[in-house]
C-alpha atoms as a PDB file:
ATOM      1  CA  MET A   1       6.650 -10.393  -6.363  1.00  0.00           C
ATOM      2  CA  GLN A   2       6.263  -6.667  -5.749  1.00  0.00           C
ATOM      3  CA  GLU A   3       7.946  -4.320  -8.205  1.00  0.00           C
ATOM      4  CA  HIS A   4      10.552  -2.039  -6.609  1.00  0.00           C
ATOM      5  CA  VAL A   5      10.200   1.627  -7.453  1.00  0.00           C
ATOM      6  CA  GLU A   6      12.325   4.588  -6.513  1.00  0.00           C
ATOM      7  CA  HIS A   7      11.005   7.576  -4.629  1.00  0.00           C
ATOM      8  CA  LEU A   8       8.706   9.707  -6.720  1.00  0.00           C
ATOM      9  CA  SER A   9      10.249  12.654  -8.502  1.00  0.00           C
ATOM     10  CA  ALA A  10       8.747  15.842  -9.851  1.00  0.00           C
ATOM     11  CA  ASP A  11       9.555  14.530 -13.356  1.00  0.00           C
ATOM     12  CA  VAL A  12       7.435  11.400 -12.852  1.00  0.00           C
ATOM     13  CA  LEU A  13       4.546  13.388 -11.413  1.00  0.00           C
ATOM     14  CA  TRP A  14       4.756  16.061 -14.104  1.00  0.00           C
ATOM     15  CA  ALA A  15       4.656  13.405 -16.848  1.00  0.00           C
ATOM     16  CA  THR A  16       1.615  11.822 -15.169  1.00  0.00           C
ATOM     17  CA  VAL A  17      -0.182  15.172 -14.929  1.00  0.00           C
ATOM     18  CA  LYS A  18       0.545  16.008 -18.577  1.00  0.00           C
ATOM     19  CA  LYS A  19      -0.869  12.636 -19.665  1.00  0.00           C
ATOM     20  CA  GLY A  20      -3.985  13.206 -17.542  1.00  0.00           C
ATOM     21  CA  GLN A  21      -3.675   9.737 -16.059  1.00  0.00           C
ATOM     22  CA  PRO A  22      -3.696   8.420 -12.514  1.00  0.00           C
ATOM     23  CA  LEU A  23      -0.426   7.428 -10.925  1.00  0.00           C
ATOM     24  CA  ALA A  24       0.906   4.003 -11.962  1.00  0.00           C
ATOM     25  CA  ASN A  25      -0.057   1.216  -9.568  1.00  0.00           C
ATOM     26  CA  ALA A  26       3.571   0.513  -8.612  1.00  0.00           C
ATOM     27  CA  TYR A  27       3.921   4.115  -7.408  1.00  0.00           C
ATOM     28  CA  VAL A  28       0.588   3.980  -5.566  1.00  0.00           C
ATOM     29  CA  GLN A  29       1.837   0.881  -3.760  1.00  0.00           C
ATOM     30  CA  HIS A  30       5.102   2.659  -2.927  1.00  0.00           C
ATOM     31  CA  THR A  31       3.238   5.590  -1.381  1.00  0.00           C
ATOM     32  CA  LYS A  32       1.527   3.198   1.022  1.00  0.00           C
ATOM     33  CA  ASP A  33       4.923   2.555   2.606  1.00  0.00           C
ATOM     34  CA  CYS A  34       6.581   5.932   2.047  1.00  0.00           C
ATOM     35  CA  ARG A  35       5.033   8.839   3.891  1.00  0.00           C
ATOM     36  CA  ASP A  36       7.361  11.364   2.226  1.00  0.00           C
ATOM     37  CA  CYS A  37       6.290  10.322  -1.270  1.00  0.00           C
ATOM     38  CA  ARG A  38       2.619  10.211  -0.253  1.00  0.00           C
ATOM     39  CA  GLU A  39       2.806  13.788   1.040  1.00  0.00           C
ATOM     40  CA  PHE A  40       4.821  14.888  -2.008  1.00  0.00           C
ATOM     41  CA  VAL A  41       2.150  13.524  -4.373  1.00  0.00           C
ATOM     42  CA  SER A  42      -0.588  15.262  -2.424  1.00  0.00           C
ATOM     43  CA  GLU A  43       1.214  18.621  -2.366  1.00  0.00           C
ATOM     44  CA  PHE A  44       2.204  18.330  -6.037  1.00  0.00           C
ATOM     45  CA  SER A  45      -1.425  17.640  -6.984  1.00  0.00           C
ATOM     46  CA  MET A  46      -2.693  20.661  -5.051  1.00  0.00           C
ATOM     47  CA  GLU A  47      -0.089  22.938  -6.642  1.00  0.00           C
ATOM     48  CA  ALA A  48      -0.847  21.629 -10.147  1.00  0.00           C
ATOM     49  CA  ARG A  49      -4.562  22.245  -9.654  1.00  0.00           C
ATOM     50  CA  SER A  50      -3.967  25.726  -8.252  1.00  0.00           C
ATOM     51  CA  ALA A  51      -1.880  26.452 -11.372  1.00  0.00           C
ATOM     52  CA  GLY A  52      -4.907  25.563 -13.510  1.00  0.00           C
ATOM     53  CA  PHE A  53      -4.218  21.947 -14.450  1.00  0.00           C
ATOM     54  CA  SER A  54      -7.110  19.532 -14.488  1.00  0.00           C
ATOM     55  CA  LEU A  55      -5.971  16.097 -13.426  1.00  0.00           C
ATOM     56  CA  PRO A  56      -7.384  12.928 -11.945  1.00  0.00           C
ATOM     57  CA  ASP A  57      -6.675  12.118  -8.325  1.00  0.00           C
ATOM     58  CA  LEU A  58      -3.182  10.667  -8.324  1.00  0.00           C
ATOM     59  CA  LEU A  59      -3.744   8.609  -5.185  1.00  0.00           C
ATOM     60  CA  PRO A  60      -6.819   6.624  -4.150  1.00  0.00           C
ATOM     61  CA  GLU A  61      -8.909   8.364  -1.485  1.00  0.00           C
ATOM     62  CA  THR A  62      -7.630   6.070   1.281  1.00  0.00           C
ATOM     63  CA  ASP A  63      -3.975   6.774   0.444  1.00  0.00           C
ATOM     64  CA  ARG A  64      -4.104  10.554   0.681  1.00  0.00           C
ATOM     65  CA  PRO A  65      -2.522  12.258   3.675  1.00  0.00           C
ATOM     66  CA  GLN A  66      -4.908  13.644   6.228  1.00  0.00           C
ATOM     67  CA  SER A  67      -5.319  17.392   6.321  1.00  0.00           C
ATOM     68  CA  ASN A  68      -3.771  19.129   9.300  1.00  0.00           C
ATOM     69  CA  SER A  69      -6.711  21.491   9.572  1.00  0.00           C
ATOM     70  CA  ALA A  70      -9.588  20.425  11.741  1.00  0.00           C
ATOM     71  CA  THR A  71     -13.031  20.696  10.213  1.00  0.00           C
ATOM     72  CA  SER A  72     -16.152  20.833  12.284  1.00  0.00           C
ATOM     73  CA  THR A  73     -19.606  19.709  11.350  1.00  0.00           C
ATOM     74  CA  VAL A  74     -22.233  21.824  13.020  1.00  0.00           C
END
């Protein structure tokens, strides 16, 4: 049975960043179904890093939103 979790909040993400831990598995699973939360986690992570926080990736590589910017390999 899959655990039900609410949408991610800034409080949950902030607590995770302060602990220096990855996001709990239940939240990772939630982000697979919830695009808004997935994008929120990605944006929150970028802002935390730009503010000087060192933190592990909160979402596995395959669960991160794709960048809107096109990159070329020449």
